[in-house]
Amino acid sequence: MQCPRCRHENPPQAKFCLECGARVALTCAKCGVELPGGAKFCLECGAPVSAEATVPSRFASPEAYTPKHLAEKILTSRTALEGERKQVTVLFADLKGSMELLADRDPEEARKLLDPVLERMMEAVHRYEGTVNQVMGDGIMALFGAPLAHEDHAVRACYAALRMQESVTRLDWALRDGADLIITSAGVSVGAFDLVRAAIEQNGALEFWRVDLRPGKPLAFGRYRDVPILGLPGNPVSSFVTFELFAHAAMRALEGRSPRELPWVSVTLEEAVTSDGRESYLRAQVRREGREFQARVLEKQASSVLSSLAAANGLVIIPSGVREVAAGAHLEAWLLEE
């Protein structure tokens, strides 16, 4: 029995998901009675379970779809809990042409088409700290300004609407064109708006979301609705390094090609360098002297600093587990310029 919230497979007798705790018990669509696992007919009215039983929708209640960080913020807001008179903005959004789209489809197939669209609508609302008050088949109603008070609630609603249009359009392109690989950037760490990991977990399977790498630790990989997805970090240098190491190789593999041979050389360090024990790719200036290469590691190594990446022509590689390398030591470097 698959959980409607996190897609975890549970044993037939489960009433609640073993992974996320959501309710997964079957109910008879005709009379509403709860059914035991493995039932073929309703024990109350005799309706066939195979045709009539349903698992509660993942959008059945706000508890099922409200992000944890937003729920915690609401619970810690005194005015949200006690209540007060507020001006709010109400946003209605639905899928245009849904009646024609779903006319000849069975309920299960229709849900598979609608759920990804509803998820993107709700993600847009939650990004701007609105709350989804109601899910209505092919659309949602959302509130901005309550229960969390914001003076710019109308503006937030407008931004959410624009984000809905953009994200649903991108999803339509990917599904229509039959994407072989989804690559995203940002949203895979642990901040309030880092939602990529949760989206993967709710719509497929997350294989891993961190690697022992610097820069580039918050890297996610899994399957989103049966399509491989690679979530790169948001900081530009981290995104650059992980794209070259992982995304480029993945795309070539999908094309049936061997991995691209990166230009590696052995370099001699001009100065001692330190690391944190992760495999590190340090921006450096590499120059050739006769038959040897010398490397000077640049000072600014923060993953958000693009200036040192622009000034570098190579990345010096510190192996995993090494924290100090003396001047004059020999290391490998990846040349950014042929």
Protein backbone atom coordinates (compact mmCIF):
# COMPACT_ATOMS: atom_id res chain seq x y z
CA MET A 1 0.00 0.00 0.00
CA GLN A 2 1.59 3.27 -1.15
CA CYS A 3 1.48 6.32 1.10
CA PRO A 4 -0.25 9.28 -0.64
CA ARG A 5 2.13 11.74 1.04
CA CYS A 6 5.64 10.27 0.69
CA ARG A 7 5.02 7.33 -1.70
CA HIS A 8 6.55 4.84 0.73
CA GLU A 9 5.38 1.26 0.25
CA ASN A 10 3.67 -0.03 3.41
CA PRO A 11 2.36 -3.52 4.34
CA PRO A 12 -1.35 -4.14 3.53
CA GLN A 13 -2.40 -4.06 7.19
CA ALA A 14 -0.87 -0.62 7.84
CA LYS A 15 -3.20 2.19 8.91
CA PHE A 16 -0.44 4.78 9.07
CA CYS A 17 2.68 5.18 6.94
CA LEU A 18 5.82 3.66 8.42
CA GLU A 19 7.93 6.43 6.86
CA CYS A 20 6.03 9.68 7.51
CA GLY A 21 3.09 8.76 9.76
CA ALA A 22 0.34 9.79 7.31
CA ARG A 23 -2.90 7.82 7.34
CA VAL A 24 -2.99 5.16 4.62
CA ALA A 25 -5.94 2.95 5.65
CA LEU A 26 -8.36 2.09 2.85
CA THR A 27 -11.91 3.36 3.01
CA CYS A 28 -14.95 2.34 1.03
CA ALA A 29 -15.85 5.07 -1.45
CA LYS A 30 -19.54 4.12 -1.24
CA CYS A 31 -20.21 4.11 2.52
CA GLY A 32 -16.98 5.49 3.99
CA VAL A 33 -16.22 2.64 6.36
CA GLU A 34 -12.58 1.77 7.06
CA LEU A 35 -11.46 -1.48 5.45
CA PRO A 36 -8.89 -4.05 6.59
CA GLY A 37 -5.88 -4.71 4.38
CA GLY A 38 -6.49 -7.25 1.65
CA ALA A 39 -10.30 -6.83 1.63
CA LYS A 40 -11.95 -7.43 -1.74
CA PHE A 41 -15.45 -6.34 -0.69
CA CYS A 42 -16.65 -3.75 1.80
CA LEU A 43 -17.62 -5.38 5.11
CA GLU A 44 -20.43 -2.83 5.61
CA CYS A 45 -22.14 -2.44 2.24
CA GLY A 46 -20.63 -5.19 0.07
CA ALA A 47 -19.22 -2.86 -2.60
CA PRO A 48 -16.19 -4.26 -4.49
CA VAL A 49 -13.00 -2.93 -2.91
CA SER A 50 -10.97 -3.18 -6.10
CA ALA A 51 -13.20 -0.66 -7.76
CA GLU A 52 -14.41 1.46 -4.89
CA ALA A 53 -11.74 1.56 -2.18
CA THR A 54 -9.60 4.63 -2.01
CA VAL A 55 -6.55 5.80 -0.11
CA PRO A 56 -7.01 9.28 1.38
CA SER A 57 -5.60 11.94 -0.94
CA ARG A 58 -2.29 13.53 -0.03
CA PHE A 59 -4.22 16.83 -0.25
CA ALA A 60 -6.98 15.74 2.15
CA SER A 61 -5.94 18.13 4.93
CA PRO A 62 -3.49 21.01 5.44
CA GLU A 63 -1.44 18.81 7.76
CA ALA A 64 -0.63 16.57 4.79
CA TYR A 65 0.74 19.24 2.47
CA THR A 66 1.94 22.17 4.60
CA PRO A 67 5.77 22.23 4.78
CA LYS A 68 7.19 21.55 8.21
CA HIS A 69 9.04 24.88 8.47
CA LEU A 70 5.86 26.82 7.65
CA ALA A 71 3.72 24.79 10.06
CA GLU A 72 6.23 25.45 12.85
CA LYS A 73 6.19 29.17 12.08
CA ILE A 74 2.40 29.22 12.29
CA LEU A 75 2.41 27.33 15.60
CA THR A 76 4.90 29.78 17.12
CA SER A 77 2.88 32.81 16.01
CA ARG A 78 0.71 33.96 18.90
CA THR A 79 -1.71 35.95 16.73
CA ALA A 80 -2.12 33.00 14.35
CA LEU A 81 -3.21 30.78 17.23
CA GLU A 82 -5.33 33.26 19.19
CA GLY A 83 -6.94 34.91 16.18
CA GLU A 84 -7.51 38.56 15.27
CA ARG A 85 -9.19 40.58 12.54
CA LYS A 86 -6.89 40.89 9.51
CA GLN A 87 -6.97 42.00 5.92
CA VAL A 88 -5.94 39.16 3.65
CA THR A 89 -5.53 38.36 -0.02
CA VAL A 90 -7.31 35.28 -1.33
CA LEU A 91 -5.80 33.54 -4.35
CA PHE A 92 -7.80 31.09 -6.47
CA ALA A 93 -5.94 29.01 -9.05
CA ASP A 94 -7.07 26.10 -11.17
CA LEU A 95 -6.02 24.16 -14.23
CA LYS A 96 -7.51 25.63 -17.39
CA GLY A 97 -9.22 23.05 -19.62
CA SER A 98 -9.09 20.30 -17.01
CA MET A 99 -12.58 19.03 -17.87
CA GLU A 100 -11.57 18.33 -21.45
CA LEU A 101 -8.21 16.91 -20.36
CA LEU A 102 -9.72 14.43 -17.90
CA ALA A 103 -12.99 13.62 -19.65
CA ASP A 104 -12.07 10.12 -20.87
CA ARG A 105 -9.61 9.14 -18.15
CA ASP A 106 -10.16 6.92 -15.13
CA PRO A 107 -9.76 8.49 -11.64
CA GLU A 108 -6.29 7.03 -11.02
CA GLU A 109 -4.92 8.31 -14.34
CA ALA A 110 -6.55 11.70 -13.73
CA ARG A 111 -4.86 11.95 -10.32
CA LYS A 112 -1.47 11.25 -11.85
CA LEU A 113 -1.97 14.20 -14.18
CA LEU A 114 -3.43 16.60 -11.61
CA ASP A 115 -1.20 15.94 -8.59
CA PRO A 116 2.04 17.34 -10.08
CA VAL A 117 0.19 20.53 -11.08
CA LEU A 118 -1.36 20.94 -7.62
CA GLU A 119 2.03 20.34 -6.02
CA ARG A 120 3.57 23.18 -8.02
CA MET A 121 0.70 25.48 -7.18
CA MET A 122 1.12 24.78 -3.47
CA GLU A 123 4.91 25.09 -3.64
CA ALA A 124 4.48 28.59 -5.06
CA VAL A 125 2.07 29.54 -2.26
CA HIS A 126 4.32 28.16 0.47
CA ARG A 127 7.40 29.86 -0.98
CA TYR A 128 5.83 33.25 -0.24
CA GLU A 129 4.47 32.09 3.14
CA GLY A 130 0.86 31.80 2.11
CA THR A 131 -1.31 28.92 3.31
CA VAL A 132 -3.39 26.61 1.14
CA ASN A 133 -6.84 26.75 2.67
CA GLN A 134 -8.58 24.32 0.35
CA VAL A 135 -7.76 21.90 -2.47
CA MET A 136 -10.63 21.66 -4.93
CA GLY A 137 -10.05 18.90 -7.47
CA ASP A 138 -8.13 20.76 -10.17
CA GLY A 139 -7.31 23.89 -8.18
CA ILE A 140 -6.56 25.51 -4.83
CA MET A 141 -7.63 28.42 -2.66
CA ALA A 142 -4.81 30.12 -0.75
CA LEU A 143 -4.61 32.87 1.86
CA PHE A 144 -1.88 35.49 2.16
CA GLY A 145 -1.73 37.58 5.33
CA ALA A 146 -3.28 34.91 7.58
CA PRO A 147 -2.55 33.01 9.70
CA LEU A 148 0.91 34.54 9.18
CA ALA A 149 0.62 38.33 9.01
CA HIS A 150 2.39 40.12 6.16
CA GLU A 151 1.88 43.76 5.19
CA ASP A 152 2.71 42.91 1.57
CA HIS A 153 0.26 39.99 1.37
CA ALA A 154 -1.19 41.15 -1.97
CA VAL A 155 2.25 41.37 -3.55
CA ARG A 156 3.15 37.92 -2.24
CA ALA A 157 0.00 36.51 -3.81
CA CYS A 158 0.93 38.03 -7.17
CA TYR A 159 4.46 36.60 -6.98
CA ALA A 160 3.01 33.19 -6.12
CA ALA A 161 0.68 33.34 -9.13
CA LEU A 162 3.57 34.17 -11.46
CA ARG A 163 5.64 31.34 -10.02
CA MET A 164 2.75 28.92 -10.54
CA GLN A 165 2.56 29.78 -14.22
CA GLU A 166 6.30 29.44 -14.69
CA SER A 167 6.71 26.14 -12.82
CA VAL A 168 3.65 24.47 -14.38
CA THR A 169 4.83 25.52 -17.85
CA ARG A 170 8.24 23.97 -17.21
CA LEU A 171 6.64 20.75 -15.98
CA ASP A 172 4.46 20.63 -19.10
CA TRP A 173 7.54 20.95 -21.32
CA ALA A 174 9.37 18.17 -19.47
CA LEU A 175 6.44 15.74 -19.48
CA ARG A 176 5.45 16.52 -23.05
CA ASP A 177 8.96 16.11 -24.40
CA GLY A 178 9.66 12.93 -22.41
CA ALA A 179 12.62 14.15 -20.33
CA ASP A 180 15.45 11.64 -19.80
CA LEU A 181 17.03 13.60 -16.94
CA ILE A 182 15.94 16.52 -14.74
CA ILE A 183 18.67 18.86 -13.48
CA THR A 184 17.91 21.57 -10.93
CA SER A 185 20.09 24.12 -9.18
CA ALA A 186 19.54 25.26 -5.57
CA GLY A 187 16.94 24.14 -3.08
CA VAL A 188 18.70 20.96 -1.90
CA SER A 189 20.26 22.13 1.36
CA VAL A 190 18.50 22.63 4.72
CA GLY A 191 17.12 26.18 4.56
CA ALA A 192 13.48 27.24 4.83
CA PHE A 193 13.05 27.40 1.05
CA ASP A 194 15.16 24.37 0.13
CA LEU A 195 12.25 22.29 -1.15
CA VAL A 196 13.80 20.12 -3.86
CA ARG A 197 14.63 17.27 -1.49
CA ALA A 198 11.06 17.17 -0.16
CA ALA A 199 9.64 17.28 -3.69
CA ILE A 200 11.76 14.29 -4.72
CA GLU A 201 10.77 12.31 -1.63
CA GLN A 202 7.08 13.03 -2.14
CA ASN A 203 7.09 12.17 -5.86
CA GLY A 204 9.60 9.37 -6.20
CA ALA A 205 12.69 8.22 -4.37
CA LEU A 206 15.73 10.04 -3.00
CA GLU A 207 18.93 8.01 -3.35
CA PHE A 208 21.23 10.51 -1.61
CA TRP A 209 21.36 14.23 -0.92
CA ARG A 210 24.88 14.88 0.35
CA VAL A 211 28.35 14.04 -0.94
CA ASP A 212 31.77 14.26 0.72
CA LEU A 213 32.89 17.11 -1.54
CA ARG A 214 34.05 20.70 -1.27
CA PRO A 215 32.50 22.74 -2.76
CA GLY A 216 29.27 20.89 -3.48
CA LYS A 217 28.23 18.98 -0.36
CA PRO A 218 24.42 19.47 -0.75
CA LEU A 219 23.89 17.36 -3.89
CA ALA A 220 20.67 15.40 -4.37
CA PHE A 221 19.99 12.46 -6.65
CA GLY A 222 16.90 10.30 -7.07
CA ARG A 223 13.90 9.69 -9.31
CA TYR A 224 11.07 12.16 -9.81
CA ARG A 225 8.04 10.36 -11.22
CA ASP A 226 10.31 7.70 -12.76
CA VAL A 227 12.65 10.29 -14.31
CA PRO A 228 16.21 10.55 -12.90
CA ILE A 229 16.73 13.90 -11.16
CA LEU A 230 19.98 15.56 -10.11
CA GLY A 231 19.73 18.50 -7.72
CA LEU A 232 22.84 20.67 -7.85
CA PRO A 233 23.76 23.15 -5.07
CA GLY A 234 22.72 26.77 -5.44
CA ASN A 235 26.05 28.48 -4.83
CA PRO A 236 27.62 29.11 -8.24
CA VAL A 237 31.03 27.50 -7.69
CA SER A 238 29.46 24.43 -6.10
CA SER A 239 27.05 24.19 -9.02
CA PHE A 240 29.91 24.48 -11.53
CA VAL A 241 32.02 21.77 -9.90
CA THR A 242 29.18 19.29 -9.36
CA PHE A 243 27.84 19.83 -12.88
CA GLU A 244 31.20 18.92 -14.38
CA LEU A 245 31.75 15.96 -12.07
CA PHE A 246 28.24 14.48 -12.02
CA ALA A 247 25.76 16.06 -14.45
CA HIS A 248 28.06 16.06 -17.46
CA ALA A 249 28.93 12.41 -16.88
CA ALA A 250 25.25 11.48 -16.44
CA MET A 251 24.23 13.15 -19.69
CA ARG A 252 26.99 11.41 -21.62
CA ALA A 253 25.99 8.06 -20.11
CA LEU A 254 22.38 8.59 -21.20
CA GLU A 255 23.69 9.28 -24.71
CA GLY A 256 25.61 6.01 -24.64
CA ARG A 257 28.96 7.82 -24.61
CA SER A 258 31.94 7.32 -22.33
CA PRO A 259 32.73 9.96 -19.68
CA ARG A 260 34.56 13.04 -20.94
CA GLU A 261 38.28 12.95 -20.20
CA LEU A 262 39.06 16.06 -18.18
CA PRO A 263 42.52 17.61 -18.65
CA TRP A 264 44.40 16.54 -15.49
CA VAL A 265 48.03 17.45 -14.73
CA SER A 266 50.38 16.93 -11.80
CA VAL A 267 51.25 20.23 -10.08
CA THR A 268 53.67 21.39 -7.40
CA LEU A 269 52.18 23.60 -4.70
CA GLU A 270 53.85 26.96 -4.20
CA GLU A 271 52.37 27.36 -0.71
CA ALA A 272 50.94 25.08 1.98
CA VAL A 273 47.16 24.59 1.90
CA THR A 274 44.58 23.23 4.34
CA SER A 275 41.27 21.45 3.87
CA ASP A 276 38.43 20.17 6.05
CA GLY A 277 38.93 16.50 5.18
CA ARG A 278 36.51 16.38 2.27
CA GLU A 279 37.71 15.85 -1.29
CA SER A 280 38.31 19.48 -2.25
CA TYR A 281 38.57 21.34 -5.54
CA LEU A 282 40.48 24.56 -4.82
CA ARG A 283 40.59 27.38 -7.34
CA ALA A 284 44.16 28.05 -8.40
CA GLN A 285 46.45 29.68 -10.92
CA VAL A 286 48.41 26.96 -12.73
CA ARG A 287 51.43 27.82 -14.85
CA ARG A 288 53.91 25.72 -16.75
CA GLU A 289 57.63 25.92 -16.05
CA GLY A 290 59.56 23.71 -18.45
CA ARG A 291 58.11 20.22 -18.15
CA GLU A 292 56.45 20.85 -14.79
CA PHE A 293 53.39 22.73 -13.55
CA GLN A 294 53.30 25.07 -10.57
CA ALA A 295 50.06 25.92 -8.74
CA ARG A 296 49.16 28.84 -6.50
CA VAL A 297 45.88 28.34 -4.64
CA LEU A 298 43.80 31.53 -4.62
CA GLU A 299 42.79 33.12 -1.34
CA LYS A 300 38.98 33.31 -1.69
CA GLN A 301 37.52 29.79 -1.72
CA ALA A 302 33.93 30.40 -0.56
CA SER A 303 31.47 28.61 -2.83
CA SER A 304 29.55 31.85 -3.41
CA VAL A 305 32.58 33.79 -4.73
CA LEU A 306 32.70 33.83 -8.53
CA SER A 307 35.62 36.26 -8.82
CA SER A 308 38.18 33.62 -7.80
CA LEU A 309 36.65 31.11 -10.23
CA ALA A 310 36.94 33.68 -13.02
CA ALA A 311 40.59 34.31 -12.05
CA ALA A 312 41.47 30.60 -11.85
CA ASN A 313 42.62 28.44 -14.73
CA GLY A 314 42.65 25.22 -12.72
CA LEU A 315 41.26 23.38 -9.69
CA VAL A 316 43.77 21.73 -7.36
CA ILE A 317 42.39 18.51 -5.89
CA ILE A 318 42.92 17.71 -2.21
CA PRO A 319 42.14 14.00 -1.61
CA SER A 320 39.51 12.94 0.91
CA GLY A 321 40.83 12.61 4.46
CA VAL A 322 43.73 15.05 3.92
CA ARG A 323 43.66 18.23 6.00
CA GLU A 324 47.10 19.72 5.38
CA VAL A 325 49.40 19.71 2.35
CA ALA A 326 52.89 21.20 2.58
CA ALA A 327 54.45 23.58 0.09
CA GLY A 328 56.30 21.69 -2.62
CA ALA A 329 53.95 18.70 -2.47
CA HIS A 330 52.64 17.17 -5.68
CA LEU A 331 48.90 17.04 -6.31
CA GLU A 332 46.59 16.58 -9.27
CA ALA A 333 44.89 19.59 -10.82
CA TRP A 334 42.02 19.87 -13.26
CA LEU A 335 42.78 22.43 -15.96
CA LEU A 336 39.89 24.74 -16.84
CA GLU A 337 41.65 25.94 -19.97
CA GLU A 338 42.82 23.52 -22.66
